[in-house]
Protein backbone atom coordinates (compact mmCIF):
# COMPACT_ATOMS: atom_id res chain seq x y z
CA MET A 1 25.00 11.07 3.15
CA THR A 2 21.78 11.15 5.21
CA ALA A 3 19.80 13.99 3.69
CA SER A 4 16.23 14.33 4.91
CA VAL A 5 13.73 12.85 2.44
CA VAL A 6 10.19 14.21 2.40
CA VAL A 7 6.87 13.41 0.76
CA THR A 8 5.31 16.18 -1.30
CA GLY A 9 2.54 14.41 -3.23
CA LEU A 10 0.00 11.61 -2.77
CA GLY A 11 -1.90 9.65 -5.41
CA ILE A 12 -4.46 7.22 -4.01
CA ALA A 13 -6.76 4.62 -5.56
CA ALA A 14 -8.70 2.68 -2.93
CA PRO A 15 -11.96 0.74 -2.66
CA ASN A 16 -13.46 3.50 -0.52
CA GLY A 17 -12.12 6.50 -2.40
CA LEU A 18 -10.41 7.64 -5.62
CA GLY A 19 -7.94 10.44 -5.07
CA ALA A 20 -6.44 11.56 -1.75
CA LYS A 21 -9.34 13.87 -0.85
CA ASP A 22 -12.10 11.34 -1.44
CA TYR A 23 -10.14 8.53 0.18
CA TRP A 24 -9.33 10.49 3.32
CA GLY A 25 -12.94 11.64 3.55
CA ALA A 26 -13.91 7.94 3.67
CA ALA A 27 -11.04 6.59 5.77
CA ARG A 28 -11.32 9.18 8.53
CA VAL A 29 -14.84 7.99 9.35
CA GLY A 30 -14.33 4.31 8.53
CA LYS A 31 -16.48 4.18 5.40
CA ASN A 32 -16.62 0.60 4.25
CA GLY A 33 -15.36 -0.37 0.78
CA ILE A 34 -15.82 -4.14 1.12
CA GLY A 35 -18.70 -5.92 -0.59
CA PRO A 36 -19.67 -8.84 -2.81
CA LEU A 37 -17.21 -9.39 -5.65
CA THR A 38 -18.67 -8.18 -8.95
CA ARG A 39 -15.79 -8.23 -11.45
CA PHE A 40 -16.57 -11.88 -12.21
CA ASP A 41 -18.91 -14.59 -10.99
CA ALA A 42 -17.41 -15.69 -7.67
CA SER A 43 -20.38 -17.82 -6.58
CA SER A 44 -18.44 -21.08 -6.91
CA TYR A 45 -15.44 -19.90 -4.85
CA PRO A 46 -15.18 -20.19 -1.05
CA ALA A 47 -14.41 -16.47 -0.69
CA LYS A 48 -16.90 -14.06 -2.23
CA LEU A 49 -16.08 -10.63 -0.77
CA ALA A 50 -13.52 -8.09 -1.95
CA GLY A 51 -12.54 -4.46 -1.73
CA GLU A 52 -13.23 -3.38 -5.33
CA ILE A 53 -12.60 0.05 -6.79
CA ASP A 54 -15.84 1.29 -8.30
CA GLY A 55 -16.19 4.17 -10.70
CA PHE A 56 -12.71 4.05 -12.19
CA VAL A 57 -12.88 4.58 -15.98
CA ALA A 58 -9.36 4.44 -17.34
CA GLU A 59 -10.36 6.04 -20.65
CA ASP A 60 -11.34 9.20 -18.76
CA HIS A 61 -7.73 9.65 -17.66
CA LEU A 62 -5.42 7.92 -20.15
CA PRO A 63 -4.93 8.03 -23.95
CA GLY A 64 -6.63 5.29 -25.95
CA ARG A 65 -3.34 3.91 -27.26
CA LEU A 66 -2.52 2.66 -23.75
CA MET A 67 -5.67 0.55 -23.41
CA PRO A 68 -4.57 -2.44 -25.55
CA GLN A 69 -1.20 -2.69 -23.81
CA THR A 70 -2.04 -2.30 -20.14
CA ASP A 71 -3.62 -4.29 -17.34
CA ARG A 72 -6.00 -2.70 -14.84
CA VAL A 73 -3.19 -2.50 -12.29
CA THR A 74 -1.08 -0.40 -14.66
CA ARG A 75 -3.96 1.90 -15.53
CA LEU A 76 -4.64 2.50 -11.84
CA SER A 77 -0.92 3.06 -11.25
CA LEU A 78 -0.56 5.54 -14.12
CA VAL A 79 -3.49 7.60 -12.89
CA ALA A 80 -2.31 7.46 -9.26
CA ALA A 81 1.11 8.71 -10.41
CA ASP A 82 -0.54 11.56 -12.31
CA TRP A 83 -2.50 12.53 -9.21
CA ALA A 84 0.59 12.36 -7.00
CA LEU A 85 2.62 14.58 -9.35
CA ALA A 86 -0.21 17.09 -9.59
CA ASP A 87 -0.57 17.09 -5.80
CA ALA A 88 3.15 17.83 -5.50
CA GLY A 89 2.93 20.63 -8.04
CA VAL A 90 5.46 18.90 -10.29
CA ASN A 91 5.46 19.04 -14.08
CA PRO A 92 7.92 16.31 -15.13
CA ALA A 93 8.44 17.95 -18.53
CA GLU A 94 10.15 20.84 -16.76
CA LEU A 95 12.71 18.66 -14.92
CA PRO A 96 15.84 16.88 -16.22
CA ALA A 97 14.87 13.33 -17.23
CA PHE A 98 17.77 11.67 -15.42
CA ASP A 99 16.95 13.47 -12.15
CA MET A 100 13.64 11.60 -11.79
CA GLY A 101 13.10 7.91 -10.99
CA VAL A 102 10.26 5.44 -10.36
CA ILE A 103 10.35 2.63 -7.79
CA THR A 104 7.24 0.57 -7.24
CA ALA A 105 6.33 -2.72 -5.61
CA SER A 106 4.14 -5.47 -6.99
CA SER A 107 2.93 -8.79 -5.67
CA ALA A 108 1.76 -10.33 -8.95
CA GLY A 109 1.85 -8.02 -11.98
CA GLY A 110 -0.96 -7.87 -14.53
CA PHE A 111 -3.10 -10.92 -13.80
CA GLU A 112 -6.24 -9.89 -15.66
CA PHE A 113 -4.33 -9.10 -18.86
CA SER A 114 -2.55 -12.45 -18.74
CA GLN A 115 -5.78 -14.32 -18.13
CA ALA A 116 -7.28 -12.92 -21.33
CA GLU A 117 -4.18 -13.77 -23.36
CA LEU A 118 -4.01 -17.32 -22.01
CA LYS A 119 -7.67 -17.72 -22.92
CA SER A 120 -6.86 -16.62 -26.48
CA LEU A 121 -3.90 -18.99 -26.63
CA TRP A 122 -5.92 -22.02 -25.54
CA SER A 123 -9.10 -21.27 -27.49
CA LYS A 124 -7.73 -19.75 -30.74
CA GLY A 125 -3.98 -20.34 -30.93
CA GLY A 126 -0.71 -18.49 -30.48
CA ALA A 127 -1.35 -16.11 -33.39
CA TYR A 128 -4.08 -14.49 -31.30
CA VAL A 129 -1.88 -13.67 -28.29
CA SER A 130 -1.03 -9.98 -28.01
CA ALA A 131 2.62 -8.97 -28.27
CA TYR A 132 1.92 -6.73 -25.27
CA GLN A 133 1.65 -9.84 -23.12
CA SER A 134 5.48 -9.83 -23.11
CA PHE A 135 5.47 -6.96 -20.60
CA ALA A 136 1.89 -6.24 -19.52
CA TRP A 137 1.96 -9.10 -16.98
CA PHE A 138 5.36 -8.26 -15.55
CA TYR A 139 6.05 -7.11 -11.98
CA ALA A 140 8.03 -4.12 -13.27
CA VAL A 141 5.43 -2.96 -15.77
CA ASN A 142 4.04 -0.18 -13.57
CA THR A 143 7.49 1.29 -13.06
CA GLY A 144 8.18 1.10 -16.78
CA GLN A 145 4.91 2.66 -17.91
CA ILE A 146 5.08 5.49 -15.36
CA SER A 147 8.68 6.17 -16.42
CA ILE A 148 7.78 6.29 -20.11
CA ARG A 149 4.65 8.41 -19.64
CA ASN A 150 6.53 11.04 -17.61
CA GLY A 151 9.94 10.92 -19.27
CA MET A 152 11.69 9.73 -16.11
CA LYS A 153 15.08 8.15 -16.86
CA GLY A 154 16.75 8.21 -13.45
CA PRO A 155 17.24 5.26 -11.04
CA SER A 156 14.20 3.01 -11.19
CA GLY A 157 13.19 -0.49 -10.21
CA VAL A 158 10.60 -2.81 -8.70
CA VAL A 159 10.48 -4.57 -5.33
CA VAL A 160 8.71 -7.92 -4.88
CA THR A 161 8.24 -8.66 -1.18
CA ASP A 162 4.50 -9.34 -1.14
CA GLN A 163 2.63 -7.08 1.27
CA ALA A 164 5.82 -5.55 2.67
CA GLY A 165 6.63 -4.19 -0.78
CA GLY A 166 4.93 -0.83 -0.46
CA LEU A 167 7.28 0.21 2.35
CA ASP A 168 10.34 -1.41 0.79
CA ALA A 169 9.81 0.54 -2.45
CA VAL A 170 9.62 3.84 -0.57
CA ALA A 171 12.75 2.93 1.38
CA GLN A 172 14.61 2.22 -1.86
CA ALA A 173 13.44 5.57 -3.18
CA ARG A 174 14.84 7.25 -0.08
CA ARG A 175 18.22 5.60 -0.78
CA GLN A 176 18.24 6.91 -4.33
CA ILE A 177 17.39 10.45 -3.25
CA ARG A 178 20.18 10.36 -0.68
CA LYS A 179 22.50 9.37 -3.54
CA GLY A 180 21.50 12.46 -5.48
CA THR A 181 18.32 11.80 -7.46
CA SER A 182 16.04 14.82 -7.19
CA LEU A 183 12.63 13.15 -7.27
CA VAL A 184 11.27 9.60 -7.14
CA VAL A 185 7.72 8.32 -7.65
CA ALA A 186 7.40 5.44 -5.17
CA GLY A 187 4.82 3.14 -3.64
CA ALA A 188 2.56 0.42 -4.94
CA VAL A 189 -0.81 -0.38 -6.48
CA ASP A 190 -2.01 -3.97 -6.88
CA ALA A 191 -5.10 -5.38 -8.62
CA LEU A 192 -5.66 -9.13 -8.53
CA LEU A 193 -9.43 -9.36 -8.75
CA SER A 194 -9.74 -11.56 -11.85
CA SER A 195 -10.91 -15.17 -11.69
CA TRP A 196 -7.35 -16.41 -12.32
CA GLY A 197 -5.97 -14.12 -9.64
CA TRP A 198 -8.75 -15.22 -7.29
CA VAL A 199 -7.69 -18.87 -7.65
CA GLY A 200 -4.12 -17.87 -6.84
CA LEU A 201 -5.17 -15.92 -3.76
CA HIS A 202 -7.10 -18.92 -2.45
CA THR A 203 -3.94 -21.04 -2.41
CA SER A 204 -2.67 -18.95 0.53
CA GLY A 205 -5.39 -20.45 2.72
CA ARG A 206 -5.75 -17.00 4.29
CA LEU A 207 -8.92 -15.65 2.70
CA SER A 208 -11.99 -15.12 4.81
CA THR A 209 -15.01 -17.10 3.63
CA GLU A 210 -17.42 -15.04 5.74
CA GLN A 211 -20.08 -13.44 3.53
CA ASP A 212 -21.05 -10.56 5.82
CA PRO A 213 -18.77 -7.55 5.03
CA GLY A 214 -19.02 -6.49 8.64
CA ARG A 215 -17.68 -9.79 9.94
CA ALA A 216 -15.20 -10.88 7.27
CA TYR A 217 -11.95 -9.12 8.21
CA LEU A 218 -11.48 -8.77 11.95
CA PRO A 219 -7.83 -8.39 13.01
CA PHE A 220 -7.07 -8.72 16.73
CA ASP A 221 -10.60 -10.05 17.27
CA ASP A 222 -11.42 -13.48 18.71
CA ARG A 223 -13.55 -14.06 15.60
CA ALA A 224 -10.62 -13.43 13.19
CA ALA A 225 -10.57 -16.01 10.39
CA GLY A 226 -8.65 -14.53 7.47
CA HIS A 227 -8.68 -11.39 5.39
CA VAL A 228 -10.65 -9.90 2.51
CA PRO A 229 -8.58 -9.13 -0.63
CA GLY A 230 -8.78 -5.70 -2.17
CA GLU A 231 -7.29 -3.69 -5.02
CA GLY A 232 -5.56 -0.33 -5.08
CA GLY A 233 -2.80 1.41 -3.17
CA ALA A 234 -0.89 4.67 -3.27
CA LEU A 235 2.01 6.35 -5.04
CA LEU A 236 4.00 9.07 -3.32
CA ILE A 237 6.36 11.78 -4.53
CA LEU A 238 9.63 11.77 -2.62
CA GLU A 239 12.18 14.56 -2.75
CA SER A 240 15.08 15.75 -0.66
CA ALA A 241 13.92 18.27 1.92
CA GLU A 242 16.35 20.77 0.43
CA ALA A 243 14.92 20.37 -3.09
CA ALA A 244 11.34 20.60 -1.84
CA ARG A 245 12.12 23.71 0.15
CA ALA A 246 13.89 25.31 -2.83
CA ARG A 247 10.83 25.05 -5.03
CA GLY A 248 8.44 26.02 -2.25
CA ALA A 249 6.66 22.67 -2.18
CA GLU A 250 4.11 21.80 0.47
CA VAL A 251 5.44 18.90 2.52
CA TYR A 252 3.34 16.12 4.09
CA GLY A 253 6.19 14.86 6.23
CA GLU A 254 9.51 13.06 6.37
CA ILE A 255 10.50 9.42 5.87
CA ALA A 256 12.40 9.35 9.15
CA GLY A 257 13.28 5.69 9.68
CA TYR A 258 13.04 2.29 8.08
CA ALA A 259 14.09 -1.28 8.63
CA ALA A 260 13.33 -4.70 7.14
CA THR A 261 13.84 -8.13 8.65
CA PHE A 262 13.00 -11.71 7.77
CA ASP A 263 11.43 -14.29 10.06
CA GLY A 264 13.81 -17.02 11.15
CA ARG A 265 13.52 -19.24 14.19
CA GLU A 266 11.81 -16.30 15.83
CA PRO A 267 9.48 -13.69 14.30
CA GLY A 268 11.40 -10.66 13.07
CA LEU A 269 8.74 -7.98 13.33
CA ARG A 270 9.80 -6.58 16.73
CA LYS A 271 13.39 -6.28 15.50
CA ALA A 272 12.19 -4.37 12.44
CA VAL A 273 10.34 -1.91 14.67
CA GLU A 274 13.36 -1.40 16.93
CA LEU A 275 15.72 -0.90 13.99
CA ALA A 276 13.36 1.56 12.29
CA LEU A 277 13.12 3.62 15.48
CA ALA A 278 16.91 3.59 15.79
CA ASP A 279 17.24 4.67 12.16
CA ALA A 280 14.94 7.60 12.92
CA GLY A 281 16.84 8.46 16.11
CA LEU A 282 13.67 8.02 18.14
CA VAL A 283 12.53 6.08 21.19
CA PRO A 284 9.16 4.30 21.54
CA SER A 285 7.60 7.14 23.54
CA ASP A 286 8.12 9.42 20.52
CA VAL A 287 5.61 7.44 18.42
CA ASP A 288 2.06 8.79 18.48
CA VAL A 289 0.26 6.11 16.44
CA VAL A 290 0.92 2.74 14.83
CA PHE A 291 -0.65 1.60 11.54
CA ALA A 292 -0.71 -2.16 12.01
CA ASP A 293 -0.20 -4.84 9.38
CA ALA A 294 -3.35 -6.51 10.82
CA ALA A 295 -3.30 -9.95 9.21
CA GLY A 296 -6.69 -10.97 10.53
CA GLU A 297 -5.53 -14.43 11.64
CA PRO A 298 -4.96 -15.52 15.23
CA GLU A 299 -1.27 -16.46 15.05
CA PRO A 300 0.00 -13.51 12.94
CA ASP A 301 -2.16 -11.16 15.02
CA ARG A 302 -0.63 -12.58 18.22
CA ILE A 303 2.89 -12.08 16.85
CA GLU A 304 2.20 -8.49 15.85
CA ALA A 305 0.52 -7.67 19.15
CA GLU A 306 3.42 -9.17 21.12
CA ALA A 307 5.89 -7.12 19.08
CA LEU A 308 3.99 -3.91 19.78
CA VAL A 309 3.49 -4.65 23.47
CA GLY A 310 7.17 -5.62 23.71
CA VAL A 311 8.30 -2.28 22.29
CA PHE A 312 5.63 0.13 23.53
CA GLY A 313 4.19 -1.65 26.57
CA GLU A 314 0.64 -2.84 27.08
CA ARG A 315 -1.75 -0.27 25.57
CA GLY A 316 1.29 1.96 25.25
CA VAL A 317 0.41 3.56 21.91
CA PRO A 318 -2.76 3.97 19.83
CA VAL A 319 -2.96 1.36 17.07
CA THR A 320 -5.17 1.43 14.01
CA ALA A 321 -5.82 -0.63 10.89
CA PRO A 322 -7.95 1.37 8.43
CA LYS A 323 -7.48 -1.46 5.92
CA THR A 324 -10.41 -3.22 7.61
CA ALA A 325 -12.55 -0.92 5.45
CA THR A 326 -10.72 -1.69 2.18
CA GLY A 327 -9.44 -5.24 2.50
CA ARG A 328 -5.77 -6.09 2.23
CA LEU A 329 -4.36 -4.56 -0.95
CA TYR A 330 -1.20 -6.71 -1.06
CA ALA A 331 1.76 -4.58 -2.21
CA GLY A 332 -0.56 -1.57 -2.26
CA ALA A 333 -1.61 -1.99 1.38
CA ALA A 334 1.45 -0.56 3.09
CA ALA A 335 1.79 2.27 0.60
CA LEU A 336 -1.81 3.23 1.32
CA ASP A 337 -1.18 3.01 5.07
CA LEU A 338 1.82 5.29 4.62
CA ALA A 339 -0.26 7.86 2.74
CA THR A 340 -2.96 7.54 5.41
CA ALA A 341 -0.39 8.19 8.14
CA PHE A 342 0.56 11.50 6.50
CA LEU A 343 -3.09 12.50 6.13
CA SER A 344 -3.73 11.53 9.75
CA MET A 345 -0.85 13.66 11.00
CA ARG A 346 -2.04 16.59 8.91
CA GLU A 347 -5.52 16.56 10.47
CA GLY A 348 -4.60 15.23 13.90
CA LEU A 349 -7.04 12.36 13.57
CA ILE A 350 -6.55 8.60 13.86
CA PRO A 351 -8.93 6.75 11.49
CA PRO A 352 -10.83 3.84 13.02
CA THR A 353 -10.43 0.09 12.65
CA VAL A 354 -13.98 -0.72 11.66
CA HIS A 355 -15.87 -3.92 12.47
CA THR A 356 -13.26 -5.27 14.91
CA GLU A 357 -13.89 -5.89 18.61
CA PRO A 358 -10.33 -6.37 19.91
CA ALA A 359 -9.64 -9.18 22.33
CA GLU A 360 -8.29 -8.06 25.71
CA ARG A 361 -5.52 -10.65 25.60
CA TYR A 362 -3.70 -8.75 22.83
CA GLY A 363 -3.10 -5.76 25.09
CA LEU A 364 -3.53 -3.19 22.30
CA ASP A 365 -5.07 0.27 22.41
CA LEU A 366 -6.85 -0.34 19.11
CA VAL A 367 -8.80 2.64 17.78
CA VAL A 368 -12.17 1.16 16.83
CA SER A 369 -15.56 2.32 15.57
CA GLN A 370 -14.92 6.07 15.75
CA PRO A 371 -11.92 8.24 14.78
CA ARG A 372 -9.80 9.63 17.61
CA SER A 373 -8.41 13.16 17.69
CA ALA A 374 -4.78 13.37 18.77
CA ASP A 375 -1.65 15.46 18.43
CA LEU A 376 0.17 13.36 15.83
CA ARG A 377 3.76 14.16 14.97
CA THR A 378 5.23 10.68 14.47
CA ALA A 379 3.69 7.50 13.07
CA LEU A 380 4.95 3.95 12.65
CA VAL A 381 3.69 1.86 9.71
CA LEU A 382 4.09 -1.92 9.70
CA ALA A 383 3.81 -4.44 6.86
CA ARG A 384 4.45 -8.15 6.54
CA GLY A 385 4.73 -10.25 3.41
CA HIS A 386 3.85 -13.90 2.97
CA GLY A 387 6.86 -16.10 3.72
CA GLY A 388 8.44 -13.97 6.43
CA PHE A 389 9.03 -10.41 5.15
CA ASN A 390 8.76 -7.67 7.80
CA SER A 391 9.06 -3.95 7.18
CA ALA A 392 8.67 -0.97 9.48
CA MET A 393 8.73 2.70 8.53
CA VAL A 394 8.70 5.76 10.80
CA VAL A 395 7.32 9.03 9.44
CA ARG A 396 7.03 12.42 11.09
CA SER A 397 5.34 15.69 10.27
């Protein structure tokens, strides 16, 4: 069965905007959300910049009983899910519990919660460790908490493929809808900006140590020297086109194609793009814009540029990376790019890749500095995870 699967709701939490409206207002003009890290004292670490979400007060959105049992990443996820459901016009209480599922991605789980509990363990003893530690740290905790809060008992799960996870979770949701589930909340939000998480991120050797926000994350630029971490992401409401039409839902667009590959002797990104286009029944000339993974390092940037030039030709399609204004959000990055692609198609506007001055040798038509108006009907979103994960998703309006 290959029923069309559409997106009817977006819930976004990003360093440059909370909620789809505020985020798109920022992304469409390249408003920067990167700055000095403030959630803890980062002065002794090599990297000192991050894309932090300011102004999020969980208590304004969630009941107090959830505060002792949730990490920041779960609070952001719960609120993003609420926003996505509201945007879709869905009241979960009115739908059969087993017809709704939740599939999210995570790169690390609840780091900040675990850090506090480990501190209690080492300084006071085991009797002072919260019982909630048993699940608050876990990769699947966001899926579980969203399911419980909204009474969703259908097919659910979590995907752990680092920064490719946001697309992989949406693809898994599409599979479940094609098997008969009416509605799935899918996507990813990550939040690793605690001192313990910061140490872990440094072990990748991929963080930018530049202290000027305008020079720290420069994909496809000769000055590229790593990325800036950020927190946030997006959750999307997926339904079958038939179900969405039956309830008169407003549709952002369709998940038209998807593929995932793994790097072997050769990089697998180009193959993922080709397979995703084939899955969508499209050819390269059908694609109007590409949302790049944009690693911000010379070798991964070269590989991505060669894949795009190999499929689309030199300067054959507009390419953008709005994540240069937010930092890389790990599992949340691709989900946010996916949401951004739908918002871009709706307005007919490609958001800019801020700060970057692309090198000619990459052969990309990178949209920089200013947004570009265009007739956008089909977009390709790319994501790569540490260790060799590649995912590509084609969406159309």
